[in-house]
Amino acid sequence: MAEEVRSEEKKGGKKKLLIFFLLGLLIIAVSGTGVLLMLGKKGSDGEVKGKKAKKNQQTLFIDFDPIIVNLLDPSGKRYLQIKLSLEVADKKAEQEIKRKEPKIRDRILTILSGKTVEEVIIPDAKEKIKAEILRKLKEDIDEEMIINVYITQFIVE
């Protein structure tokens, strides 16, 4: 009788051990698959980020001479002096911008000379001016050439 109990315990113990072993393998397999999927996604994102980084490294900046405009002021004595830099996509865009510089300066002068003193001294004036200049220049020139507009000098007198 004692031998039968021991034999059943051994069989039951072997079954439990086999179940735990299979569960362990299943957990390892699922975990490994999850890790590989996560690494695969990171790798593909890394490639995309790498392409974006290369694209950003190719951008160039074109500095314009200071632009001085009279503001809309009844006395006519108020003016704005602004210096801008354009971030462009590549050398081809840089050459195109330089070729069209008179047209670009004219567009900027038109935008700025239509501003009142109040419009240029409010706290978010620079951001609004940058956004308007960028939008208008993208309308005039190929939209993908100009990436951003930066104000490097801003004086209101």
N, C-alpha and C. Protein backbone atom coordinates (compact mmCIF):
# COMPACT_ATOMS: atom_id res chain seq x y z
N MET A 1 0.81 -1.17 0.00
CA MET A 1 0.00 0.00 0.00
C MET A 1 0.87 1.25 0.00
N ALA A 2 1.92 1.24 0.77
CA ALA A 2 2.83 2.37 0.85
C ALA A 2 3.50 2.58 -0.49
N GLU A 3 3.76 1.48 -1.20
CA GLU A 3 4.39 1.60 -2.51
C GLU A 3 3.45 2.24 -3.51
N GLU A 4 2.16 1.97 -3.42
CA GLU A 4 1.18 2.55 -4.33
C GLU A 4 1.09 4.06 -4.12
N VAL A 5 1.14 4.52 -2.86
CA VAL A 5 1.06 5.95 -2.55
C VAL A 5 2.29 6.65 -3.09
N ARG A 6 3.47 6.03 -2.89
CA ARG A 6 4.71 6.62 -3.40
C ARG A 6 4.69 6.69 -4.92
N SER A 7 4.19 5.67 -5.56
CA SER A 7 4.14 5.62 -7.01
C SER A 7 3.20 6.69 -7.55
N GLU A 8 2.04 6.91 -6.87
CA GLU A 8 1.11 7.94 -7.29
C GLU A 8 1.72 9.32 -7.07
N GLU A 9 2.46 9.50 -5.95
CA GLU A 9 3.11 10.78 -5.68
C GLU A 9 4.15 11.08 -6.74
N LYS A 10 4.90 10.06 -7.17
CA LYS A 10 5.91 10.26 -8.20
C LYS A 10 5.25 10.65 -9.52
N LYS A 11 4.15 9.97 -9.87
CA LYS A 11 3.45 10.27 -11.11
C LYS A 11 2.86 11.68 -11.05
N GLY A 12 2.23 12.02 -9.91
CA GLY A 12 1.65 13.35 -9.74
C GLY A 12 2.75 14.42 -9.71
N GLY A 13 3.87 14.13 -9.12
CA GLY A 13 4.99 15.06 -9.06
C GLY A 13 5.59 15.29 -10.45
N LYS A 14 5.67 14.23 -11.24
CA LYS A 14 6.20 14.35 -12.60
C LYS A 14 5.25 15.18 -13.46
N LYS A 15 3.94 14.99 -13.27
CA LYS A 15 2.96 15.77 -14.04
C LYS A 15 3.05 17.25 -13.69
N LYS A 16 3.17 17.52 -12.37
CA LYS A 16 3.27 18.91 -11.94
C LYS A 16 4.54 19.54 -12.48
N LEU A 17 5.63 18.80 -12.42
CA LEU A 17 6.91 19.31 -12.93
C LEU A 17 6.81 19.59 -14.43
N LEU A 18 6.16 18.70 -15.17
CA LEU A 18 6.00 18.88 -16.61
C LEU A 18 5.13 20.11 -16.90
N ILE A 19 4.07 20.29 -16.14
CA ILE A 19 3.19 21.46 -16.33
C ILE A 19 3.96 22.74 -16.05
N PHE A 20 4.70 22.78 -14.94
CA PHE A 20 5.49 23.98 -14.61
C PHE A 20 6.56 24.26 -15.67
N PHE A 21 7.16 23.20 -16.18
CA PHE A 21 8.19 23.35 -17.22
C PHE A 21 7.57 23.94 -18.50
N LEU A 22 6.41 23.42 -18.89
CA LEU A 22 5.74 23.92 -20.10
C LEU A 22 5.27 25.37 -19.91
N LEU A 23 4.75 25.68 -18.72
CA LEU A 23 4.35 27.06 -18.44
C LEU A 23 5.56 28.00 -18.51
N GLY A 24 6.68 27.55 -17.98
CA GLY A 24 7.90 28.36 -18.03
C GLY A 24 8.33 28.62 -19.46
N LEU A 25 8.29 27.59 -20.30
CA LEU A 25 8.65 27.75 -21.71
C LEU A 25 7.69 28.72 -22.41
N LEU A 26 6.40 28.60 -22.09
CA LEU A 26 5.41 29.47 -22.69
C LEU A 26 5.66 30.93 -22.29
N ILE A 27 5.96 31.15 -21.03
CA ILE A 27 6.24 32.52 -20.56
C ILE A 27 7.49 33.08 -21.23
N ILE A 28 8.52 32.27 -21.34
CA ILE A 28 9.75 32.71 -22.00
C ILE A 28 9.49 33.03 -23.47
N ALA A 29 8.72 32.18 -24.14
CA ALA A 29 8.41 32.39 -25.57
C ALA A 29 7.62 33.69 -25.77
N VAL A 30 6.61 33.91 -24.94
CA VAL A 30 5.79 35.12 -25.07
C VAL A 30 6.64 36.36 -24.76
N SER A 31 7.44 36.28 -23.72
CA SER A 31 8.31 37.42 -23.36
C SER A 31 9.31 37.71 -24.47
N GLY A 32 9.92 36.67 -24.99
CA GLY A 32 10.89 36.85 -26.07
C GLY A 32 10.25 37.46 -27.30
N THR A 33 9.06 37.02 -27.64
CA THR A 33 8.35 37.58 -28.79
C THR A 33 8.05 39.05 -28.56
N GLY A 34 7.60 39.37 -27.35
CA GLY A 34 7.31 40.78 -27.01
C GLY A 34 8.55 41.64 -27.12
N VAL A 35 9.67 41.16 -26.61
CA VAL A 35 10.92 41.91 -26.68
C VAL A 35 11.35 42.11 -28.13
N LEU A 36 11.26 41.07 -28.94
CA LEU A 36 11.64 41.19 -30.35
C LEU A 36 10.75 42.18 -31.08
N LEU A 37 9.46 42.16 -30.79
CA LEU A 37 8.56 43.12 -31.43
C LEU A 37 8.90 44.54 -31.02
N MET A 38 9.19 44.74 -29.74
CA MET A 38 9.54 46.07 -29.26
C MET A 38 10.85 46.55 -29.90
N LEU A 39 11.83 45.68 -29.99
CA LEU A 39 13.10 46.04 -30.61
C LEU A 39 12.92 46.31 -32.09
N GLY A 40 12.06 45.53 -32.72
CA GLY A 40 11.78 45.74 -34.14
C GLY A 40 11.17 47.10 -34.38
N LYS A 41 10.23 47.51 -33.53
CA LYS A 41 9.61 48.82 -33.67
C LYS A 41 10.61 49.92 -33.39
N LYS A 42 11.44 49.74 -32.37
CA LYS A 42 12.46 50.75 -32.07
C LYS A 42 13.41 50.89 -33.24
N GLY A 43 13.79 49.78 -33.81
CA GLY A 43 14.72 49.83 -34.93
C GLY A 43 14.14 50.57 -36.11
N SER A 44 12.87 50.30 -36.43
CA SER A 44 12.26 50.99 -37.56
C SER A 44 12.07 52.47 -37.25
N ASP A 45 11.70 52.81 -36.00
CA ASP A 45 11.60 54.22 -35.62
C ASP A 45 12.96 54.87 -35.67
N GLY A 46 13.98 54.13 -35.25
CA GLY A 46 15.33 54.67 -35.28
C GLY A 46 15.75 55.00 -36.70
N GLU A 47 15.35 54.13 -37.63
CA GLU A 47 15.68 54.41 -39.03
C GLU A 47 14.96 55.66 -39.50
N VAL A 48 13.70 55.78 -39.15
CA VAL A 48 12.94 56.97 -39.55
C VAL A 48 13.54 58.21 -38.90
N LYS A 49 13.86 58.11 -37.61
CA LYS A 49 14.48 59.24 -36.92
C LYS A 49 15.83 59.57 -37.55
N GLY A 50 16.56 58.52 -37.94
CA GLY A 50 17.85 58.75 -38.59
C GLY A 50 17.68 59.52 -39.89
N LYS A 51 16.66 59.19 -40.65
CA LYS A 51 16.39 59.90 -41.90
C LYS A 51 16.01 61.34 -41.61
N LYS A 52 15.19 61.55 -40.58
CA LYS A 52 14.81 62.91 -40.22
C LYS A 52 16.03 63.68 -39.75
N ALA A 53 16.88 63.02 -38.99
CA ALA A 53 18.09 63.70 -38.51
C ALA A 53 18.97 64.10 -39.68
N LYS A 54 19.12 63.20 -40.66
CA LYS A 54 19.90 63.55 -41.84
C LYS A 54 19.27 64.72 -42.57
N LYS A 55 17.95 64.68 -42.68
CA LYS A 55 17.25 65.77 -43.37
C LYS A 55 17.48 67.08 -42.63
N ASN A 56 17.39 67.04 -41.29
CA ASN A 56 17.61 68.25 -40.50
C ASN A 56 19.05 68.73 -40.61
N GLN A 57 19.99 67.81 -40.76
CA GLN A 57 21.39 68.20 -40.89
C GLN A 57 21.63 68.90 -42.22
N GLN A 58 20.81 68.64 -43.21
CA GLN A 58 21.00 69.24 -44.52
C GLN A 58 20.41 70.64 -44.60
N THR A 59 19.63 71.03 -43.62
CA THR A 59 19.02 72.35 -43.69
C THR A 59 20.08 73.43 -43.58
N LEU A 60 19.80 74.53 -44.23
CA LEU A 60 20.72 75.66 -44.25
C LEU A 60 19.99 76.91 -43.80
N PHE A 61 20.75 77.90 -43.36
CA PHE A 61 20.16 79.16 -42.93
C PHE A 61 20.64 80.28 -43.85
N ILE A 62 19.69 81.10 -44.25
CA ILE A 62 20.01 82.27 -45.08
C ILE A 62 19.70 83.50 -44.25
N ASP A 63 20.72 84.30 -43.99
CA ASP A 63 20.54 85.53 -43.22
C ASP A 63 20.26 86.69 -44.17
N PHE A 64 19.26 87.47 -43.84
CA PHE A 64 18.93 88.67 -44.61
C PHE A 64 19.51 89.89 -43.89
N ASP A 65 19.83 90.90 -44.68
CA ASP A 65 20.24 92.17 -44.09
C ASP A 65 19.07 92.74 -43.31
N PRO A 66 19.35 93.60 -42.34
CA PRO A 66 18.24 94.19 -41.57
C PRO A 66 17.26 94.91 -42.49
N ILE A 67 15.99 94.79 -42.15
CA ILE A 67 14.92 95.45 -42.90
C ILE A 67 14.32 96.51 -41.99
N ILE A 68 14.21 97.71 -42.49
CA ILE A 68 13.65 98.81 -41.71
C ILE A 68 12.40 99.30 -42.42
N VAL A 69 11.28 99.35 -41.67
CA VAL A 69 10.01 99.81 -42.24
C VAL A 69 9.36 100.82 -41.30
N ASN A 70 8.64 101.77 -41.91
CA ASN A 70 7.81 102.68 -41.13
C ASN A 70 6.55 101.93 -40.74
N LEU A 71 6.18 102.04 -39.48
CA LEU A 71 4.95 101.40 -39.03
C LEU A 71 3.77 102.31 -39.30
N LEU A 72 2.58 101.75 -39.30
CA LEU A 72 1.36 102.54 -39.47
C LEU A 72 1.17 103.37 -38.19
N ASP A 73 1.59 104.61 -38.26
CA ASP A 73 1.52 105.51 -37.11
C ASP A 73 1.12 106.88 -37.61
N PRO A 74 0.14 107.52 -36.98
CA PRO A 74 -0.29 108.83 -37.46
C PRO A 74 0.84 109.85 -37.53
N SER A 75 1.78 109.78 -36.62
CA SER A 75 2.89 110.74 -36.63
C SER A 75 3.93 110.37 -37.70
N GLY A 76 3.96 109.11 -38.10
CA GLY A 76 4.92 108.68 -39.11
C GLY A 76 6.35 108.58 -38.60
N LYS A 77 6.51 108.63 -37.28
CA LYS A 77 7.86 108.62 -36.70
C LYS A 77 8.24 107.28 -36.09
N ARG A 78 7.39 106.31 -36.15
CA ARG A 78 7.68 105.01 -35.55
C ARG A 78 8.12 104.04 -36.63
N TYR A 79 9.14 103.26 -36.30
CA TYR A 79 9.61 102.28 -37.29
C TYR A 79 10.00 100.98 -36.61
N LEU A 80 10.16 99.97 -37.43
CA LEU A 80 10.56 98.64 -36.98
C LEU A 80 11.79 98.23 -37.77
N GLN A 81 12.79 97.80 -37.03
CA GLN A 81 13.98 97.23 -37.67
C GLN A 81 14.00 95.76 -37.29
N ILE A 82 14.08 94.93 -38.30
CA ILE A 82 14.02 93.48 -38.08
C ILE A 82 15.07 92.80 -38.94
N LYS A 83 15.66 91.77 -38.38
CA LYS A 83 16.62 90.97 -39.13
C LYS A 83 16.11 89.53 -39.08
N LEU A 84 16.06 88.89 -40.24
CA LEU A 84 15.49 87.55 -40.35
C LEU A 84 16.50 86.55 -40.88
N SER A 85 16.27 85.29 -40.52
CA SER A 85 16.98 84.16 -41.11
C SER A 85 15.93 83.17 -41.56
N LEU A 86 16.15 82.63 -42.74
CA LEU A 86 15.25 81.59 -43.26
C LEU A 86 15.96 80.26 -43.19
N GLU A 87 15.26 79.25 -42.67
CA GLU A 87 15.79 77.90 -42.69
C GLU A 87 15.24 77.22 -43.94
N VAL A 88 16.15 76.75 -44.79
CA VAL A 88 15.74 76.13 -46.05
C VAL A 88 16.16 74.67 -46.10
N ALA A 89 15.52 73.93 -46.97
CA ALA A 89 15.68 72.48 -47.02
C ALA A 89 17.06 72.01 -47.48
N ASP A 90 17.63 72.65 -48.50
CA ASP A 90 18.89 72.16 -49.04
C ASP A 90 19.56 73.24 -49.89
N LYS A 91 20.66 72.87 -50.55
CA LYS A 91 21.42 73.83 -51.38
C LYS A 91 20.58 74.36 -52.53
N LYS A 92 19.78 73.49 -53.11
CA LYS A 92 18.93 73.90 -54.23
C LYS A 92 17.95 74.98 -53.77
N ALA A 93 17.35 74.78 -52.60
CA ALA A 93 16.43 75.76 -52.04
C ALA A 93 17.17 77.06 -51.72
N GLU A 94 18.38 76.94 -51.21
CA GLU A 94 19.17 78.14 -50.89
C GLU A 94 19.42 78.97 -52.15
N GLN A 95 19.78 78.32 -53.23
CA GLN A 95 20.02 79.03 -54.48
C GLN A 95 18.75 79.69 -55.00
N GLU A 96 17.63 79.00 -54.88
CA GLU A 96 16.35 79.54 -55.33
C GLU A 96 15.94 80.76 -54.48
N ILE A 97 16.15 80.68 -53.18
CA ILE A 97 15.81 81.79 -52.29
C ILE A 97 16.69 83.00 -52.61
N LYS A 98 17.96 82.77 -52.81
CA LYS A 98 18.87 83.88 -53.13
C LYS A 98 18.49 84.51 -54.47
N ARG A 99 18.04 83.68 -55.40
CA ARG A 99 17.62 84.19 -56.71
C ARG A 99 16.36 85.04 -56.58
N LYS A 100 15.49 84.67 -55.66
CA LYS A 100 14.22 85.39 -55.47
C LYS A 100 14.27 86.37 -54.30
N GLU A 101 15.45 86.73 -53.84
CA GLU A 101 15.57 87.61 -52.67
C GLU A 101 14.84 88.94 -52.82
N PRO A 102 14.90 89.61 -53.97
CA PRO A 102 14.14 90.87 -54.08
C PRO A 102 12.64 90.68 -53.87
N LYS A 103 12.10 89.63 -54.42
CA LYS A 103 10.67 89.34 -54.26
C LYS A 103 10.35 89.04 -52.79
N ILE A 104 11.23 88.30 -52.13
CA ILE A 104 11.03 87.94 -50.73
C ILE A 104 11.10 89.18 -49.84
N ARG A 105 12.11 90.03 -50.08
CA ARG A 105 12.24 91.26 -49.29
C ARG A 105 11.02 92.16 -49.49
N ASP A 106 10.54 92.24 -50.72
CA ASP A 106 9.35 93.04 -51.00
C ASP A 106 8.15 92.51 -50.22
N ARG A 107 7.97 91.19 -50.20
CA ARG A 107 6.85 90.58 -49.49
C ARG A 107 6.96 90.87 -47.98
N ILE A 108 8.16 90.78 -47.44
CA ILE A 108 8.37 91.05 -46.01
C ILE A 108 8.10 92.52 -45.70
N LEU A 109 8.59 93.41 -46.57
CA LEU A 109 8.33 94.84 -46.37
C LEU A 109 6.83 95.15 -46.40
N THR A 110 6.13 94.54 -47.31
CA THR A 110 4.69 94.75 -47.42
C THR A 110 3.97 94.28 -46.15
N ILE A 111 4.35 93.13 -45.66
CA ILE A 111 3.73 92.60 -44.44
C ILE A 111 4.01 93.52 -43.25
N LEU A 112 5.27 93.88 -43.07
CA LEU A 112 5.66 94.64 -41.88
C LEU A 112 5.17 96.09 -41.91
N SER A 113 5.15 96.71 -43.09
CA SER A 113 4.72 98.11 -43.15
C SER A 113 3.22 98.26 -42.91
N GLY A 114 2.49 97.17 -42.95
CA GLY A 114 1.06 97.20 -42.66
C GLY A 114 0.74 97.03 -41.18
N LYS A 115 1.76 96.92 -40.36
CA LYS A 115 1.57 96.71 -38.92
C LYS A 115 1.54 98.04 -38.17
N THR A 116 0.74 98.08 -37.12
CA THR A 116 0.72 99.25 -36.25
C THR A 116 1.70 99.02 -35.11
N VAL A 117 1.99 100.08 -34.38
CA VAL A 117 2.89 99.96 -33.23
C VAL A 117 2.33 98.97 -32.23
N GLU A 118 1.04 99.03 -31.99
CA GLU A 118 0.40 98.13 -31.04
C GLU A 118 0.55 96.67 -31.45
N GLU A 119 0.49 96.41 -32.75
CA GLU A 119 0.61 95.03 -33.23
C GLU A 119 2.01 94.46 -33.04
N VAL A 120 3.02 95.30 -33.03
CA VAL A 120 4.39 94.79 -32.93
C VAL A 120 4.94 94.82 -31.51
N ILE A 121 4.23 95.45 -30.57
CA ILE A 121 4.76 95.47 -29.20
C ILE A 121 4.01 94.54 -28.25
N ILE A 122 2.97 93.88 -28.73
CA ILE A 122 2.28 92.93 -27.85
C ILE A 122 3.20 91.74 -27.60
N PRO A 123 3.00 91.02 -26.48
CA PRO A 123 3.92 89.94 -26.10
C PRO A 123 4.15 88.86 -27.16
N ASP A 124 3.13 88.46 -27.88
CA ASP A 124 3.32 87.39 -28.87
C ASP A 124 3.47 87.92 -30.30
N ALA A 125 3.85 89.18 -30.43
CA ALA A 125 3.97 89.80 -31.75
C ALA A 125 4.98 89.08 -32.64
N LYS A 126 6.12 88.73 -32.08
CA LYS A 126 7.16 88.09 -32.90
C LYS A 126 6.66 86.76 -33.47
N GLU A 127 5.98 85.98 -32.65
CA GLU A 127 5.48 84.70 -33.13
C GLU A 127 4.45 84.89 -34.24
N LYS A 128 3.57 85.87 -34.08
CA LYS A 128 2.56 86.14 -35.10
C LYS A 128 3.21 86.62 -36.39
N ILE A 129 4.21 87.49 -36.27
CA ILE A 129 4.90 88.01 -37.46
C ILE A 129 5.64 86.87 -38.17
N LYS A 130 6.33 86.04 -37.41
CA LYS A 130 7.04 84.90 -38.01
C LYS A 130 6.07 83.99 -38.76
N ALA A 131 4.94 83.69 -38.13
CA ALA A 131 3.96 82.79 -38.75
C ALA A 131 3.39 83.41 -40.03
N GLU A 132 3.11 84.69 -40.00
CA GLU A 132 2.55 85.35 -41.19
C GLU A 132 3.58 85.39 -42.32
N ILE A 133 4.81 85.74 -41.99
CA ILE A 133 5.86 85.78 -43.02
C ILE A 133 6.05 84.38 -43.62
N LEU A 134 6.13 83.38 -42.77
CA LEU A 134 6.32 82.00 -43.25
C LEU A 134 5.17 81.59 -44.17
N ARG A 135 3.95 81.87 -43.76
CA ARG A 135 2.79 81.49 -44.56
C ARG A 135 2.81 82.18 -45.93
N LYS A 136 3.09 83.49 -45.94
CA LYS A 136 3.10 84.25 -47.20
C LYS A 136 4.25 83.80 -48.11
N LEU A 137 5.41 83.54 -47.53
CA LEU A 137 6.54 83.11 -48.36
C LEU A 137 6.30 81.72 -48.94
N LYS A 138 5.66 80.87 -48.18
CA LYS A 138 5.35 79.53 -48.71
C LYS A 138 4.34 79.62 -49.85
N GLU A 139 3.48 80.63 -49.82
CA GLU A 139 2.54 80.83 -50.93
C GLU A 139 3.29 81.27 -52.18
N ASP A 140 4.30 82.13 -52.01
CA ASP A 140 5.04 82.68 -53.15
C ASP A 140 6.08 81.71 -53.71
N ILE A 141 6.66 80.92 -52.85
CA ILE A 141 7.75 80.03 -53.23
C ILE A 141 7.29 78.60 -52.94
N ASP A 142 7.98 77.64 -53.53
CA ASP A 142 7.66 76.23 -53.28
C ASP A 142 7.57 75.98 -51.78
N GLU A 143 6.46 75.39 -51.36
CA GLU A 143 6.15 75.24 -49.94
C GLU A 143 7.19 74.44 -49.16
N GLU A 144 7.84 73.49 -49.79
CA GLU A 144 8.77 72.63 -49.08
C GLU A 144 10.17 73.23 -48.97
N MET A 145 10.43 74.32 -49.67
CA MET A 145 11.77 74.92 -49.62
C MET A 145 12.04 75.59 -48.29
N ILE A 146 11.10 76.38 -47.80
CA ILE A 146 11.30 77.13 -46.56
C ILE A 146 10.73 76.33 -45.41
N ILE A 147 11.58 76.03 -44.45
CA ILE A 147 11.17 75.24 -43.29
C ILE A 147 10.68 76.14 -42.16
N ASN A 148 11.44 77.22 -41.89
CA ASN A 148 11.06 78.09 -40.80
C ASN A 148 11.64 79.48 -40.99
N VAL A 149 11.08 80.44 -40.27
CA VAL A 149 11.56 81.82 -40.27
C VAL A 149 12.01 82.14 -38.84
N TYR A 150 13.16 82.75 -38.70
CA TYR A 150 13.67 83.12 -37.39
C TYR A 150 13.93 84.62 -37.36
N ILE A 151 13.53 85.26 -36.28
CA ILE A 151 13.81 86.67 -36.09
C ILE A 151 15.07 86.77 -35.24
N THR A 152 16.11 87.37 -35.81
CA THR A 152 17.38 87.49 -35.08
C THR A 152 17.61 88.87 -34.52
N GLN A 153 16.79 89.83 -34.94
CA GLN A 153 16.87 91.18 -34.40
C GLN A 153 15.48 91.81 -34.55
N PHE A 154 15.04 92.55 -33.51
CA PHE A 154 13.70 93.12 -33.51
C PHE A 154 13.74 94.40 -32.69
N ILE A 155 13.71 95.53 -33.37
CA ILE A 155 13.79 96.82 -32.69
C ILE A 155 12.61 97.69 -33.14
N VAL A 156 11.88 98.21 -32.15
CA VAL A 156 10.78 99.12 -32.43
C VAL A 156 11.15 100.47 -31.85
N GLU A 157 11.11 101.53 -32.66
CA GLU A 157 11.43 102.88 -32.19
C GLU A 157 10.27 103.79 -32.50
